[in-house]
Amino acid sequence: MSTYLQLLKETGTRRSEALNLKWVDIDFRAKTVRVTPLKGGNPRVLKISDKLIGILNDLKRRNTSEKVFSYKNAFYLQKTFEKQRKRAARKLGNSRILRIHFHTFRHWKATMEYHKTKDILHVMQLLGHKNIKNTLIYTQLVSFNDDEYICKVAKTLEEATQLIEAGFEYVTDMNGYKLFRKRK
């Protein structure tokens, strides 16, 4: 279950897409998952983390055409999740955990990707939507204090190159120095 939830969190796939994932769909070298849509969406290839690669490697597999997750069907997957979610909510004394559903991960991924990129078309592609209106439903346009930056100064070409490679953007020149910034 933890592997399944990690996959939902990292990829934003629909629960049925994740449940029907086969070993042949995972490229362990390129660290990608090929998602085949079931709901009229677009097929896509999504990056996954080293963490997810590691826990996928720990799962049992017999052949590449076999499904990654061995739940008999979506009903059993759902019941297992509800049981574990209820246990976690009780153990942590946090009833808000009971409001988490499989689809919550899809909404979370869409919101985080939009916050990171400010590119709704990227989010649309990530979710596999054909219509931007569907993507707008998933993306919560919330304020993340976008005006907070880390600022750096470059005195040499080498320092400027390092800052750009670290994700900083050039802002201006001031007193012979180059100023860069990156969102916190």
Protein backbone atom coordinates (compact mmCIF):
# COMPACT_ATOMS: atom_id res chain seq x y z
CA MET A 1 0.00 0.00 0.00
CA SER A 2 2.82 2.42 0.81
CA THR A 3 4.36 1.82 -2.62
CA TYR A 4 1.01 2.44 -4.30
CA LEU A 5 0.49 5.70 -2.35
CA GLN A 6 4.03 6.87 -3.12
CA LEU A 7 3.36 6.28 -6.83
CA LEU A 8 0.13 8.31 -6.63
CA LYS A 9 1.94 11.12 -4.80
CA GLU A 10 4.84 11.35 -7.25
CA THR A 11 2.94 10.91 -10.50
CA GLY A 12 -0.58 12.19 -9.91
CA THR A 13 -1.97 9.22 -11.82
CA ARG A 14 -5.57 8.09 -11.52
CA ARG A 15 -5.99 5.20 -9.10
CA SER A 16 -7.05 2.87 -11.93
CA GLU A 17 -3.98 3.84 -13.98
CA ALA A 18 -1.71 3.02 -11.05
CA LEU A 19 -3.54 -0.22 -10.24
CA ASN A 20 -3.20 -1.45 -13.84
CA LEU A 21 0.51 -0.60 -14.07
CA LYS A 22 2.64 -3.49 -15.32
CA TRP A 23 6.33 -4.12 -14.70
CA VAL A 24 7.03 -3.54 -18.39
CA ASP A 25 5.76 0.04 -17.89
CA ILE A 26 8.58 0.87 -15.48
CA ASP A 27 12.00 1.89 -16.80
CA PHE A 28 14.29 1.46 -13.80
CA ARG A 29 17.30 2.96 -15.60
CA ALA A 30 15.56 6.09 -16.87
CA LYS A 31 13.49 6.29 -13.65
CA THR A 32 10.21 6.65 -15.53
CA VAL A 33 6.74 5.13 -15.56
CA ARG A 34 4.69 4.80 -18.75
CA VAL A 35 1.03 5.45 -17.94
CA THR A 36 -1.68 4.06 -20.16
CA PRO A 37 -4.93 5.96 -19.60
CA LEU A 38 -8.20 4.16 -18.96
CA LYS A 39 -10.49 7.17 -18.92
CA GLY A 40 -9.97 8.74 -22.33
CA GLY A 41 -6.91 10.68 -21.20
CA ASN A 42 -3.54 10.95 -22.89
CA PRO A 43 -0.76 8.38 -22.43
CA ARG A 44 2.33 9.81 -20.77
CA VAL A 45 5.78 9.01 -19.40
CA LEU A 46 6.45 10.38 -15.92
CA LYS A 47 9.67 10.70 -13.90
CA ILE A 48 9.84 8.94 -10.53
CA SER A 49 12.25 9.30 -7.63
CA ASP A 50 15.09 7.08 -6.48
CA LYS A 51 12.99 6.41 -3.37
CA LEU A 52 10.13 5.01 -5.45
CA ILE A 53 12.53 3.02 -7.65
CA GLY A 54 13.95 1.46 -4.47
CA ILE A 55 10.62 0.44 -3.00
CA LEU A 56 9.40 -0.86 -6.37
CA ASN A 57 12.52 -3.03 -6.53
CA ASP A 58 11.55 -4.52 -3.16
CA LEU A 59 8.22 -5.79 -4.50
CA LYS A 60 7.96 -9.36 -5.79
CA ARG A 61 7.74 -9.77 -9.55
CA ARG A 62 7.59 -12.82 -11.75
CA ASN A 63 7.45 -11.48 -15.30
CA THR A 64 7.27 -8.14 -17.07
CA SER A 65 3.68 -8.54 -18.26
CA GLU A 66 2.46 -9.00 -14.69
CA LYS A 67 0.81 -6.12 -12.82
CA VAL A 68 2.93 -4.30 -10.24
CA PHE A 69 0.19 -4.25 -7.60
CA SER A 70 -1.34 -7.62 -6.82
CA TYR A 71 -4.72 -6.47 -5.50
CA LYS A 72 -7.53 -8.61 -6.89
CA ASN A 73 -9.46 -5.49 -7.93
CA ALA A 74 -10.12 -1.86 -6.98
CA PHE A 75 -12.61 -2.88 -4.26
CA TYR A 76 -9.96 -4.78 -2.26
CA LEU A 77 -7.46 -1.98 -2.74
CA GLN A 78 -10.00 0.56 -1.45
CA LYS A 79 -10.92 -1.56 1.61
CA THR A 80 -7.26 -2.09 2.52
CA PHE A 81 -6.61 1.66 2.23
CA GLU A 82 -9.64 2.57 4.35
CA LYS A 83 -8.61 0.12 7.07
CA GLN A 84 -5.03 1.44 7.20
CA ARG A 85 -6.18 5.07 7.00
CA LYS A 86 -8.56 4.55 9.93
CA ARG A 87 -5.80 2.88 11.97
CA ALA A 88 -3.39 5.76 11.24
CA ALA A 89 -6.01 8.39 12.17
CA ARG A 90 -6.72 6.65 15.46
CA LYS A 91 -3.04 6.07 16.28
CA LEU A 92 -2.09 9.69 15.52
CA GLY A 93 -5.26 11.16 17.02
CA ASN A 94 -5.89 13.08 13.81
CA SER A 95 -9.37 12.66 12.32
CA ARG A 96 -8.41 14.81 9.30
CA ILE A 97 -6.54 11.78 7.95
CA LEU A 98 -9.95 10.21 7.30
CA ARG A 99 -10.57 12.90 4.65
CA ILE A 100 -7.68 11.63 2.52
CA HIS A 101 -8.71 9.59 -0.52
CA PHE A 102 -6.77 8.23 -3.48
CA HIS A 103 -7.89 11.21 -5.55
CA THR A 104 -6.46 13.59 -2.93
CA PHE A 105 -2.99 12.68 -4.17
CA ARG A 106 -3.93 13.69 -7.73
CA HIS A 107 -5.20 17.09 -6.56
CA TRP A 108 -2.09 17.57 -4.42
CA LYS A 109 0.27 16.74 -7.31
CA ALA A 110 -1.56 19.13 -9.67
CA THR A 111 -1.44 21.95 -7.12
CA MET A 112 2.25 21.45 -6.31
CA GLU A 113 3.26 21.23 -9.98
CA TYR A 114 1.37 24.39 -10.81
CA HIS A 115 2.96 26.19 -7.85
CA LYS A 116 6.41 25.03 -8.94
CA THR A 117 6.09 25.79 -12.67
CA LYS A 118 3.22 28.30 -13.03
CA ASP A 119 2.52 26.38 -16.26
CA ILE A 120 -1.05 25.08 -16.46
CA LEU A 121 -0.33 23.34 -19.79
CA HIS A 122 2.46 21.35 -18.12
CA VAL A 123 0.02 20.30 -15.39
CA MET A 124 -2.55 19.38 -18.04
CA GLN A 125 -0.01 17.10 -19.75
CA LEU A 126 1.11 15.60 -16.43
CA LEU A 127 -2.45 14.65 -15.51
CA GLY A 128 -3.18 13.35 -19.01
CA HIS A 129 -6.12 15.68 -19.59
CA LYS A 130 -7.36 16.57 -23.05
CA ASN A 131 -9.30 19.63 -21.86
CA ILE A 132 -7.79 22.49 -19.82
CA LYS A 133 -11.09 22.91 -17.94
CA ASN A 134 -10.52 19.55 -16.25
CA THR A 135 -7.04 20.60 -15.19
CA LEU A 136 -8.34 23.81 -13.63
CA ILE A 137 -10.60 21.73 -11.37
CA TYR A 138 -7.56 19.89 -10.00
CA THR A 139 -5.25 22.85 -9.58
CA GLN A 140 -5.86 24.82 -6.43
CA LEU A 141 -4.66 28.35 -7.07
CA VAL A 142 -3.51 29.07 -3.54
CA SER A 143 -0.99 31.60 -2.30
CA PHE A 144 2.38 30.17 -1.33
CA ASN A 145 4.04 33.50 -0.50
CA ASP A 146 5.40 33.76 -4.03
CA ASP A 147 7.22 36.98 -3.22
CA GLU A 148 9.82 35.23 -1.05
CA TYR A 149 13.21 34.72 -2.70
CA ILE A 150 16.75 33.64 -1.94
CA CYS A 151 19.09 36.28 -3.39
CA LYS A 152 22.72 35.74 -4.45
CA VAL A 153 25.43 37.96 -5.92
CA ALA A 154 27.91 36.87 -8.59
CA LYS A 155 31.21 38.67 -9.00
CA THR A 156 32.68 36.41 -11.69
CA LEU A 157 31.48 34.51 -14.73
CA GLU A 158 32.11 31.21 -12.91
CA GLU A 159 29.92 32.28 -9.94
CA ALA A 160 27.14 33.37 -12.32
CA THR A 161 27.32 30.03 -14.13
CA GLN A 162 27.09 28.11 -10.85
CA LEU A 163 24.05 30.14 -9.75
CA ILE A 164 22.23 29.55 -13.03
CA GLU A 165 23.00 25.82 -12.82
CA ALA A 166 21.58 25.86 -9.27
CA GLY A 167 18.27 27.24 -10.54
CA PHE A 168 18.77 30.94 -9.88
CA GLU A 169 17.51 33.51 -12.39
CA TYR A 170 19.39 36.64 -13.40
CA VAL A 171 17.76 39.89 -12.18
CA THR A 172 20.07 42.85 -12.88
CA ASP A 173 23.55 44.38 -12.66
CA MET A 174 24.36 46.68 -9.77
CA ASN A 175 27.72 48.32 -9.04
CA GLY A 176 29.48 45.80 -11.27
CA TYR A 177 27.84 42.77 -9.64
CA LYS A 178 25.20 40.46 -11.09
CA LEU A 179 22.16 39.81 -8.90
CA PHE A 180 20.27 36.51 -9.00
CA ARG A 181 17.20 35.15 -7.26
CA LYS A 182 15.34 31.88 -6.72
CA ARG A 183 11.97 31.28 -5.08
CA LYS A 184 12.15 29.83 -1.57
